[in-house]
Amino acid sequence: MQVTRNVAIKYGLGLGLAASAASSFAAGIDLTPLTSAIDLTTVVAAIMAVAALKFAPQLTKFAVNSISKMFPK
């Protein structure tokens, strides 16, 4: 009898907490402060900067090879 009562109390408490948590997050978490702080132009500028850094060595190699082909050996 004591074990059944302890199990019922534990599960009852767990279900009660889950129900209160579910009702408090029923509308979802409000991420408006995070998303409003991010500007789209800043994100695009950062992506373009990383792309330029990744492309720079290839462009430099192409330019050096093109210029070296202009001169006779």
PDB file of N, CA and C in Angstrom:
ATOM      1  N   MET A   1       0.821  -1.182   0.000  1.00  0.00           N
ATOM      2  CA  MET A   1       0.000   0.000   0.000  1.00  0.00           C
ATOM      3  C   MET A   1       0.873   1.257   0.000  1.00  0.00           C
ATOM      4  N   GLN A   2       1.961   1.232   0.779  1.00  0.00           N
ATOM      5  CA  GLN A   2       2.850   2.384   0.879  1.00  0.00           C
ATOM      6  C   GLN A   2       3.554   2.636  -0.457  1.00  0.00           C
ATOM      7  N   VAL A   3       3.983   1.573  -1.150  1.00  0.00           N
ATOM      8  CA  VAL A   3       4.674   1.723  -2.425  1.00  0.00           C
ATOM      9  C   VAL A   3       3.723   2.320  -3.458  1.00  0.00           C
ATOM     10  N   THR A   4       2.503   1.850  -3.494  1.00  0.00           N
ATOM     11  CA  THR A   4       1.520   2.355  -4.448  1.00  0.00           C
ATOM     12  C   THR A   4       1.237   3.833  -4.201  1.00  0.00           C
ATOM     13  N   ARG A   5       1.178   4.192  -2.938  1.00  0.00           N
ATOM     14  CA  ARG A   5       0.921   5.595  -2.594  1.00  0.00           C
ATOM     15  C   ARG A   5       2.090   6.476  -3.023  1.00  0.00           C
ATOM     16  N   ASN A   6       3.338   6.030  -2.812  1.00  0.00           N
ATOM     17  CA  ASN A   6       4.517   6.803  -3.206  1.00  0.00           C
ATOM     18  C   ASN A   6       4.587   6.964  -4.720  1.00  0.00           C
ATOM     19  N   VAL A   7       4.272   5.889  -5.443  1.00  0.00           N
ATOM     20  CA  VAL A   7       4.288   5.960  -6.906  1.00  0.00           C
ATOM     21  C   VAL A   7       3.215   6.921  -7.394  1.00  0.00           C
ATOM     22  N   ALA A   8       2.056   6.861  -6.795  1.00  0.00           N
ATOM     23  CA  ALA A   8       0.963   7.747  -7.196  1.00  0.00           C
ATOM     24  C   ALA A   8       1.319   9.204  -6.917  1.00  0.00           C
ATOM     25  N   ILE A   9       1.975   9.466  -5.811  1.00  0.00           N
ATOM     26  CA  ILE A   9       2.375  10.836  -5.482  1.00  0.00           C
ATOM     27  C   ILE A   9       3.430  11.331  -6.471  1.00  0.00           C
ATOM     28  N   LYS A  10       4.413  10.474  -6.790  1.00  0.00           N
ATOM     29  CA  LYS A  10       5.476  10.883  -7.714  1.00  0.00           C
ATOM     30  C   LYS A  10       4.921  11.158  -9.104  1.00  0.00           C
ATOM     31  N   TYR A  11       4.096  10.239  -9.600  1.00  0.00           N
ATOM     32  CA  TYR A  11       3.550  10.438 -10.941  1.00  0.00           C
ATOM     33  C   TYR A  11       2.535  11.581 -10.971  1.00  0.00           C
ATOM     34  N   GLY A  12       1.786  11.730  -9.915  1.00  0.00           N
ATOM     35  CA  GLY A  12       0.831  12.841  -9.853  1.00  0.00           C
ATOM     36  C   GLY A  12       1.536  14.176  -9.851  1.00  0.00           C
ATOM     37  N   LEU A  13       2.630  14.276  -9.095  1.00  0.00           N
ATOM     38  CA  LEU A  13       3.417  15.502  -9.056  1.00  0.00           C
ATOM     39  C   LEU A  13       4.065  15.767 -10.409  1.00  0.00           C
ATOM     40  N   GLY A  14       4.593  14.729 -11.036  1.00  0.00           N
ATOM     41  CA  GLY A  14       5.220  14.872 -12.349  1.00  0.00           C
ATOM     42  C   GLY A  14       4.227  15.312 -13.404  1.00  0.00           C
ATOM     43  N   LEU A  15       3.032  14.720 -13.392  1.00  0.00           N
ATOM     44  CA  LEU A  15       2.005  15.107 -14.360  1.00  0.00           C
ATOM     45  C   LEU A  15       1.534  16.535 -14.110  1.00  0.00           C
ATOM     46  N   GLY A  16       1.450  16.919 -12.857  1.00  0.00           N
ATOM     47  CA  GLY A  16       1.045  18.282 -12.537  1.00  0.00           C
ATOM     48  C   GLY A  16       2.057  19.303 -13.026  1.00  0.00           C
ATOM     49  N   LEU A  17       3.332  19.010 -12.827  1.00  0.00           N
ATOM     50  CA  LEU A  17       4.378  19.918 -13.302  1.00  0.00           C
ATOM     51  C   LEU A  17       4.414  19.963 -14.821  1.00  0.00           C
ATOM     52  N   ALA A  18       4.236  18.824 -15.451  1.00  0.00           N
ATOM     53  CA  ALA A  18       4.244  18.791 -16.919  1.00  0.00           C
ATOM     54  C   ALA A  18       3.063  19.570 -17.479  1.00  0.00           C
ATOM     55  N   ALA A  19       1.923  19.447 -16.850  1.00  0.00           N
ATOM     56  CA  ALA A  19       0.740  20.166 -17.328  1.00  0.00           C
ATOM     57  C   ALA A  19       0.921  21.677 -17.169  1.00  0.00           C
ATOM     58  N   SER A  20       1.521  22.099 -16.065  1.00  0.00           N
ATOM     59  CA  SER A  20       1.722  23.535 -15.877  1.00  0.00           C
ATOM     60  C   SER A  20       2.788  24.066 -16.832  1.00  0.00           C
ATOM     61  N   ALA A  21       3.804  23.267 -17.107  1.00  0.00           N
ATOM     62  CA  ALA A  21       4.836  23.695 -18.057  1.00  0.00           C
ATOM     63  C   ALA A  21       4.266  23.748 -19.465  1.00  0.00           C
ATOM     64  N   ALA A  22       3.438  22.790 -19.808  1.00  0.00           N
ATOM     65  CA  ALA A  22       2.854  22.770 -21.152  1.00  0.00           C
ATOM     66  C   ALA A  22       1.916  23.947 -21.353  1.00  0.00           C
ATOM     67  N   SER A  23       1.182  24.300 -20.324  1.00  0.00           N
ATOM     68  CA  SER A  23       0.263  25.421 -20.479  1.00  0.00           C
ATOM     69  C   SER A  23       1.003  26.756 -20.531  1.00  0.00           C
ATOM     70  N   SER A  24       2.138  26.856 -19.860  1.00  0.00           N
ATOM     71  CA  SER A  24       2.876  28.120 -19.884  1.00  0.00           C
ATOM     72  C   SER A  24       3.613  28.315 -21.203  1.00  0.00           C
ATOM     73  N   PHE A  25       3.960  27.223 -21.905  1.00  0.00           N
ATOM     74  CA  PHE A  25       4.637  27.316 -23.192  1.00  0.00           C
ATOM     75  C   PHE A  25       3.713  26.947 -24.346  1.00  0.00           C
ATOM     76  N   ALA A  26       2.413  27.029 -24.147  1.00  0.00           N
ATOM     77  CA  ALA A  26       1.469  26.645 -25.188  1.00  0.00           C
ATOM     78  C   ALA A  26       1.593  27.556 -26.401  1.00  0.00           C
ATOM     79  N   ALA A  27       1.877  28.818 -26.185  1.00  0.00           N
ATOM     80  CA  ALA A  27       2.008  29.758 -27.302  1.00  0.00           C
ATOM     81  C   ALA A  27       3.412  29.729 -27.889  1.00  0.00           C
ATOM     82  N   GLY A  28       4.335  29.036 -27.282  1.00  0.00           N
ATOM     83  CA  GLY A  28       5.710  28.984 -27.758  1.00  0.00           C
ATOM     84  C   GLY A  28       6.570  30.013 -27.052  1.00  0.00           C
ATOM     85  N   ILE A  29       7.844  29.857 -27.225  1.00  0.00           N
ATOM     86  CA  ILE A  29       8.796  30.770 -26.609  1.00  0.00           C
ATOM     87  C   ILE A  29       8.888  32.022 -27.467  1.00  0.00           C
ATOM     88  N   ASP A  30       8.880  33.175 -26.844  1.00  0.00           N
ATOM     89  CA  ASP A  30       8.944  34.446 -27.562  1.00  0.00           C
ATOM     90  C   ASP A  30      10.407  34.787 -27.843  1.00  0.00           C
ATOM     91  N   LEU A  31      10.799  34.687 -29.108  1.00  0.00           N
ATOM     92  CA  LEU A  31      12.173  34.988 -29.508  1.00  0.00           C
ATOM     93  C   LEU A  31      12.290  36.351 -30.179  1.00  0.00           C
ATOM     94  N   THR A  32      11.317  37.206 -29.976  1.00  0.00           N
ATOM     95  CA  THR A  32      11.311  38.513 -30.616  1.00  0.00           C
ATOM     96  C   THR A  32      12.541  39.358 -30.257  1.00  0.00           C
ATOM     97  N   PRO A  33      12.987  39.387 -29.004  1.00  0.00           N
ATOM     98  CA  PRO A  33      14.185  40.197 -28.708  1.00  0.00           C
ATOM     99  C   PRO A  33      15.430  39.703 -29.448  1.00  0.00           C
ATOM    100  N   LEU A  34      15.544  38.393 -29.650  1.00  0.00           N
ATOM    101  CA  LEU A  34      16.714  37.877 -30.356  1.00  0.00           C
ATOM    102  C   LEU A  34      16.645  38.171 -31.842  1.00  0.00           C
ATOM    103  N   THR A  35      15.474  37.955 -32.427  1.00  0.00           N
ATOM    104  CA  THR A  35      15.367  38.149 -33.875  1.00  0.00           C
ATOM    105  C   THR A  35      15.323  39.618 -34.260  1.00  0.00           C
ATOM    106  N   SER A  36      14.829  40.475 -33.410  1.00  0.00           N
ATOM    107  CA  SER A  36      14.789  41.888 -33.752  1.00  0.00           C
ATOM    108  C   SER A  36      16.163  42.534 -33.609  1.00  0.00           C
ATOM    109  N   ALA A  37      17.052  41.935 -32.854  1.00  0.00           N
ATOM    110  CA  ALA A  37      18.390  42.497 -32.674  1.00  0.00           C
ATOM    111  C   ALA A  37      19.299  42.190 -33.865  1.00  0.00           C
ATOM    112  N   ILE A  38      18.889  41.255 -34.724  1.00  0.00           N
ATOM    113  CA  ILE A  38      19.708  40.859 -35.868  1.00  0.00           C
ATOM    114  C   ILE A  38      19.208  41.594 -37.106  1.00  0.00           C
ATOM    115  N   ASP A  39      20.105  42.288 -37.772  1.00  0.00           N
ATOM    116  CA  ASP A  39      19.760  43.020 -38.983  1.00  0.00           C
ATOM    117  C   ASP A  39      20.157  42.178 -40.193  1.00  0.00           C
ATOM    118  N   LEU A  40      19.298  42.100 -41.194  1.00  0.00           N
ATOM    119  CA  LEU A  40      19.548  41.264 -42.359  1.00  0.00           C
ATOM    120  C   LEU A  40      20.764  41.749 -43.140  1.00  0.00           C
ATOM    121  N   THR A  41      20.970  43.042 -43.221  1.00  0.00           N
ATOM    122  CA  THR A  41      22.121  43.543 -43.971  1.00  0.00           C
ATOM    123  C   THR A  41      23.437  43.161 -43.299  1.00  0.00           C
ATOM    124  N   THR A  42      23.444  43.089 -41.985  1.00  0.00           N
ATOM    125  CA  THR A  42      24.645  42.677 -41.263  1.00  0.00           C
ATOM    126  C   THR A  42      24.958  41.214 -41.542  1.00  0.00           C
ATOM    127  N   VAL A  43      23.931  40.382 -41.572  1.00  0.00           N
ATOM    128  CA  VAL A  43      24.126  38.962 -41.843  1.00  0.00           C
ATOM    129  C   VAL A  43      24.638  38.761 -43.263  1.00  0.00           C
ATOM    130  N   VAL A  44      24.051  39.463 -44.224  1.00  0.00           N
ATOM    131  CA  VAL A  44      24.493  39.342 -45.612  1.00  0.00           C
ATOM    132  C   VAL A  44      25.928  39.834 -45.760  1.00  0.00           C
ATOM    133  N   ALA A  45      26.278  40.924 -45.100  1.00  0.00           N
ATOM    134  CA  ALA A  45      27.640  41.444 -45.168  1.00  0.00           C
ATOM    135  C   ALA A  45      28.642  40.460 -44.574  1.00  0.00           C
ATOM    136  N   ALA A  46      28.274  39.817 -43.493  1.00  0.00           N
ATOM    137  CA  ALA A  46      29.172  38.833 -42.876  1.00  0.00           C
ATOM    138  C   ALA A  46      29.360  37.623 -43.782  1.00  0.00           C
ATOM    139  N   ILE A  47      28.288  37.161 -44.404  1.00  0.00           N
ATOM    140  CA  ILE A  47      28.392  36.006 -45.310  1.00  0.00           C
ATOM    141  C   ILE A  47      29.256  36.358 -46.519  1.00  0.00           C
ATOM    142  N   MET A  48      29.071  37.546 -47.063  1.00  0.00           N
ATOM    143  CA  MET A  48      29.874  37.969 -48.217  1.00  0.00           C
ATOM    144  C   MET A  48      31.352  38.134 -47.843  1.00  0.00           C
ATOM    145  N   ALA A  49      31.619  38.602 -46.634  1.00  0.00           N
ATOM    146  CA  ALA A  49      33.007  38.750 -46.190  1.00  0.00           C
ATOM    147  C   ALA A  49      33.694  37.393 -46.074  1.00  0.00           C
ATOM    148  N   VAL A  50      32.992  36.421 -45.536  1.00  0.00           N
ATOM    149  CA  VAL A  50      33.566  35.074 -45.427  1.00  0.00           C
ATOM    150  C   VAL A  50      33.777  34.479 -46.815  1.00  0.00           C
ATOM    151  N   ALA A  51      32.825  34.688 -47.710  1.00  0.00           N
ATOM    152  CA  ALA A  51      32.975  34.181 -49.081  1.00  0.00           C
ATOM    153  C   ALA A  51      34.171  34.828 -49.769  1.00  0.00           C
ATOM    154  N   ALA A  52      34.376  36.118 -49.562  1.00  0.00           N
ATOM    155  CA  ALA A  52      35.521  36.806 -50.159  1.00  0.00           C
ATOM    156  C   ALA A  52      36.836  36.272 -49.601  1.00  0.00           C
ATOM    157  N   LEU A  53      36.864  35.993 -48.311  1.00  0.00           N
ATOM    158  CA  LEU A  53      38.087  35.433 -47.718  1.00  0.00           C
ATOM    159  C   LEU A  53      38.399  34.043 -48.252  1.00  0.00           C
ATOM    160  N   LYS A  54      37.364  33.268 -48.511  1.00  0.00           N
ATOM    161  CA  LYS A  54      37.581  31.927 -49.046  1.00  0.00           C
ATOM    162  C   LYS A  54      37.980  31.967 -50.517  1.00  0.00           C
ATOM    163  N   PHE A  55      37.540  32.978 -51.256  1.00  0.00           N
ATOM    164  CA  PHE A  55      37.808  33.073 -52.690  1.00  0.00           C
ATOM    165  C   PHE A  55      39.127  33.778 -52.995  1.00  0.00           C
ATOM    166  N   ALA A  56      39.636  34.564 -52.077  1.00  0.00           N
ATOM    167  CA  ALA A  56      40.839  35.364 -52.326  1.00  0.00           C
ATOM    168  C   ALA A  56      42.058  34.543 -52.749  1.00  0.00           C
ATOM    169  N   PRO A  57      42.396  33.433 -52.116  1.00  0.00           N
ATOM    170  CA  PRO A  57      43.579  32.668 -52.561  1.00  0.00           C
ATOM    171  C   PRO A  57      43.450  32.135 -53.993  1.00  0.00           C
ATOM    172  N   GLN A  58      42.259  31.700 -54.371  1.00  0.00           N
ATOM    173  CA  GLN A  58      42.066  31.191 -55.734  1.00  0.00           C
ATOM    174  C   GLN A  58      42.206  32.320 -56.747  1.00  0.00           C
ATOM    175  N   LEU A  59      41.650  33.474 -56.424  1.00  0.00           N
ATOM    176  CA  LEU A  59      41.747  34.624 -57.320  1.00  0.00           C
ATOM    177  C   LEU A  59      43.198  35.080 -57.443  1.00  0.00           C
ATOM    178  N   THR A  60      43.922  35.067 -56.349  1.00  0.00           N
ATOM    179  CA  THR A  60      45.336  35.467 -56.382  1.00  0.00           C
ATOM    180  C   THR A  60      46.147  34.511 -57.248  1.00  0.00           C
ATOM    181  N   LYS A  61      45.915  33.226 -57.109  1.00  0.00           N
ATOM    182  CA  LYS A  61      46.635  32.228 -57.910  1.00  0.00           C
ATOM    183  C   LYS A  61      46.316  32.409 -59.394  1.00  0.00           C
ATOM    184  N   PHE A  62      45.046  32.634 -59.725  1.00  0.00           N
ATOM    185  CA  PHE A  62      44.649  32.852 -61.118  1.00  0.00           C
ATOM    186  C   PHE A  62      45.322  34.097 -61.680  1.00  0.00           C
ATOM    187  N   ALA A  63      45.346  35.167 -60.893  1.00  0.00           N
ATOM    188  CA  ALA A  63      45.952  36.418 -61.363  1.00  0.00           C
ATOM    189  C   ALA A  63      47.451  36.252 -61.576  1.00  0.00           C
ATOM    190  N   VAL A  64      48.134  35.596 -60.668  1.00  0.00           N
ATOM    191  CA  VAL A  64      49.580  35.389 -60.810  1.00  0.00           C
ATOM    192  C   VAL A  64      49.875  34.531 -62.026  1.00  0.00           C
ATOM    193  N   ASN A  65      49.116  33.475 -62.244  1.00  0.00           N
ATOM    194  CA  ASN A  65      49.334  32.611 -63.423  1.00  0.00           C
ATOM    195  C   ASN A  65      49.029  33.374 -64.707  1.00  0.00           C
ATOM    196  N   SER A  66      47.997  34.192 -64.724  1.00  0.00           N
ATOM    197  CA  SER A  66      47.655  34.951 -65.930  1.00  0.00           C
ATOM    198  C   SER A  66      48.740  35.965 -66.253  1.00  0.00           C
ATOM    199  N   ILE A  67      49.250  36.638 -65.256  1.00  0.00           N
ATOM    200  CA  ILE A  67      50.299  37.642 -65.480  1.00  0.00           C
ATOM    201  C   ILE A  67      51.605  36.963 -65.890  1.00  0.00           C
ATOM    202  N   SER A  68      51.925  35.803 -65.295  1.00  0.00           N
ATOM    203  CA  SER A  68      53.155  35.117 -65.653  1.00  0.00           C
ATOM    204  C   SER A  68      53.111  34.567 -67.065  1.00  0.00           C
ATOM    205  N   LYS A  69      51.943  34.283 -67.606  1.00  0.00           N
ATOM    206  CA  LYS A  69      51.821  33.808 -68.989  1.00  0.00           C
ATOM    207  C   LYS A  69      52.060  34.927 -69.983  1.00  0.00           C
ATOM    208  N   MET A  70      51.962  36.171 -69.553  1.00  0.00           N
ATOM    209  CA  MET A  70      52.187  37.308 -70.458  1.00  0.00           C
ATOM    210  C   MET A  70      53.669  37.491 -70.778  1.00  0.00           C
ATOM    211  N   PHE A  71      54.539  37.044 -69.901  1.00  0.00           N
ATOM    212  CA  PHE A  71      55.964  37.224 -70.097  1.00  0.00           C
ATOM    213  C   PHE A  71      56.569  35.961 -70.700  1.00  0.00           C
ATOM    214  N   PRO A  72      57.485  36.154 -71.650  1.00  0.00           N
ATOM    215  CA  PRO A  72      58.143  34.964 -72.235  1.00  0.00           C
ATOM    216  C   PRO A  72      59.077  34.301 -71.242  1.00  0.00           C
ATOM    217  N   LYS A  73      59.312  33.043 -71.458  1.00  0.00           N
ATOM    218  CA  LYS A  73      60.204  32.315 -70.541  1.00  0.00           C
ATOM    219  C   LYS A  73      61.642  32.482 -70.910  1.00  0.00           C
TER     220      LYS A  73
END
